Structure formats: structure tokens, C-alpha cells
Protein backbone atom coordinates (compact mmCIF):
# COMPACT_ATOMS: atom_id res chain seq x y z
CA MET A 1 92.58 169.12 83.40
CA ALA A 2 90.17 170.94 85.68
CA GLU A 3 86.97 169.42 84.37
CA LYS A 4 86.35 165.79 83.31
CA LEU A 5 86.06 165.48 79.56
CA LYS A 6 82.76 164.30 78.11
CA ILE A 7 83.14 162.94 74.59
CA LEU A 8 80.51 161.73 72.10
CA ILE A 9 81.83 158.90 69.91
CA VAL A 10 79.92 158.17 66.73
CA GLU A 11 80.92 154.79 65.32
CA ASP A 12 78.85 152.01 63.68
CA ASP A 13 81.52 149.28 63.82
CA PRO A 14 81.05 147.43 67.13
CA ALA A 15 84.73 146.42 67.48
CA SER A 16 86.03 149.92 66.81
CA LEU A 17 83.43 151.36 69.16
CA ILE A 18 84.44 149.04 72.05
CA VAL A 19 88.14 149.89 71.57
CA SER A 20 87.43 153.62 71.55
CA VAL A 21 85.11 153.56 74.55
CA LYS A 22 87.44 151.44 76.70
CA SER A 23 90.51 153.46 75.64
CA PHE A 24 88.90 156.75 76.66
CA GLU A 25 87.33 155.42 79.86
CA ARG A 26 90.73 154.11 80.96
CA ARG A 27 91.98 157.68 80.59
CA GLY A 28 89.22 159.05 82.81
CA VAL A 29 86.96 160.38 80.04
CA GLU A 30 83.18 160.18 80.22
CA VAL A 31 81.99 158.64 76.97
CA LEU A 32 78.62 158.90 75.24
CA VAL A 33 77.95 156.62 72.28
CA ALA A 34 75.92 156.76 69.08
CA THR A 35 76.01 154.19 66.31
CA ASP A 36 74.51 156.49 63.68
CA ALA A 37 74.32 160.18 62.84
CA TYR A 38 70.66 160.55 63.89
CA GLY A 39 71.37 159.23 67.41
CA ALA A 40 74.45 161.42 67.58
CA LEU A 41 72.52 164.56 66.64
CA LYS A 42 69.97 163.82 69.38
CA LEU A 43 72.69 163.38 72.02
CA TYR A 44 74.53 166.46 70.71
CA ILE A 45 71.45 168.62 71.19
CA GLU A 46 70.41 167.15 74.53
CA THR A 47 73.80 166.92 76.28
CA SER A 48 75.22 169.80 78.21
CA ASN A 49 78.95 170.39 78.73
CA LEU A 50 79.98 168.17 75.84
CA SER A 51 83.77 168.46 75.36
CA ALA A 52 84.10 167.01 71.85
CA VAL A 53 82.57 164.80 69.19
CA ILE A 54 84.59 162.12 67.43
CA THR A 55 82.89 160.62 64.39
CA ASP A 56 83.58 158.01 61.79
CA ILE A 57 82.96 159.34 58.27
CA GLN A 58 81.14 156.32 56.87
CA LEU A 59 77.94 155.90 58.88
CA PRO A 60 74.60 154.34 57.95
CA GLY A 61 71.92 156.69 56.67
CA MET A 62 73.84 159.95 56.95
CA ASP A 63 77.62 160.23 56.78
CA GLY A 64 79.79 161.92 59.37
CA THR A 65 80.37 164.96 57.20
CA GLU A 66 76.65 165.66 56.81
CA MET A 67 76.18 165.13 60.54
CA MET A 68 79.00 167.55 61.35
CA CYS A 69 77.41 170.19 59.13
CA LEU A 70 74.13 169.86 61.06
CA MET A 71 76.03 170.11 64.35
CA ARG A 72 77.74 173.26 63.09
CA ALA A 73 74.33 174.71 62.23
CA GLU A 74 73.20 173.92 65.80
CA GLU A 75 76.30 175.79 67.06
CA GLU A 76 75.19 178.83 65.07
CA ARG A 77 71.73 178.61 66.66
CA THR A 78 72.93 178.14 70.25
CA GLY A 79 76.27 179.93 70.26
CA ILE A 80 77.87 176.86 71.91
CA ALA A 81 80.82 175.51 69.94
CA VAL A 82 82.02 171.95 70.42
CA PRO A 83 85.17 170.60 68.66
CA ILE A 84 84.25 167.94 66.12
CA PHE A 85 86.82 165.47 64.95
CA ALA A 86 86.73 162.95 62.10
CA MET A 87 88.09 159.51 62.80
CA THR A 88 88.69 157.64 59.57
CA ALA A 89 90.77 155.12 57.69
CA TYR A 90 91.26 157.67 54.85
CA SER A 91 94.93 158.28 55.43
CA PHE A 92 96.05 160.53 52.59
CA GLU A 93 97.01 164.12 53.42
CA GLU A 94 94.58 165.35 50.77
CA ASP A 95 91.79 163.55 52.63
CA ARG A 96 92.76 165.22 55.94
CA LYS A 97 92.84 168.63 54.33
CA LYS A 98 89.45 168.02 52.70
CA PHE A 99 87.83 167.07 56.01
CA VAL A 100 89.27 170.08 57.78
CA ALA A 101 88.13 172.35 54.91
CA GLN A 102 84.62 170.87 55.29
CA GLY A 103 84.50 172.00 58.92
CA PHE A 104 86.08 169.31 61.11
CA ASP A 105 88.48 170.70 63.72
CA ASP A 106 90.97 167.91 63.07
CA VAL A 107 91.22 164.37 61.76
CA PHE A 108 92.39 161.19 63.50
CA ILE A 109 93.61 158.38 61.26
CA LYS A 110 92.74 154.79 62.24
CA PRO A 111 94.30 153.02 63.99
CA VAL A 112 94.56 155.92 66.40
CA ASP A 113 96.98 156.71 69.21
CA TYR A 114 94.56 157.45 72.07
CA ASP A 115 97.09 159.34 74.17
CA LYS A 116 97.84 161.67 71.27
CA MET A 117 94.16 161.91 70.47
CA LEU A 118 93.38 162.96 74.07
CA LYS A 119 96.08 165.63 74.01
CA THR A 120 94.62 167.04 70.80
CA ILE A 121 91.13 167.09 72.26
CA GLN A 122 92.40 168.83 75.40
CA PHE A 123 94.11 171.43 73.21
CA TYR A 124 90.72 172.31 71.65
CA THR A 125 88.76 172.36 74.95
């Protein structure tokens, strides 16, 4: 990996957020955090060299799917594409296919394997 990864994690559950942040930081990843979609959108727009976004689906105010759609619209405006991944407890294959069809690059099922997750993110970056 030539450049350090910079990942935005969007998670409203404090315990899940701590686990994700610590797991990525132990692997040498720079982590930005948002606990809702509005904060995530602000960071997404303001942060340069973002490697990926990982978002929970169920968020307060605006869900992860709506947020992802707004991020995709920002990509169209700027021409800068960032992989966006759903991280969810919805574990059925139909759910995964639905999220990918909606525009997510891939889906990580909770509880996640952070080594596998990192390899997937690196594949997309």
C-alpha cells in the first residue's frame, strides 16, 4: 500500500464505532468518524484524499442509503469517486444484492472481519 488509507466511518452505535475505529487504527488506517449522515456528508465534501466510506444503514435522521445517494450525486458534480460500503446486520443475500443495486460498492455483514474488510477496501482503492 503506497498511500495510507483514510476511511470515513458512519456509525451511530458507540460500541460498534469504538470497535471499528480501534480495529482500523491498529491496521494503520486513518479514521474519520461521523455519528449521523449529515455529519458524514459534511466530512465527505470537506475531506480530500478520502479512500472509502463505510456506513451503517440505520442512522438517525437520514439512513445510510439516502446518504450514499447524496454522496454519489457529489461524485457526479466533482468527478471524484470514493468507494462506499454498507456495514449492516442485514445478512441475507437478497439484502446484499439490494444494497449493491442501490449503489453501494459492497456490503460488510456485522460482525465484520476487519482483515477481510481492509483487503476489500484496498481492492477498490
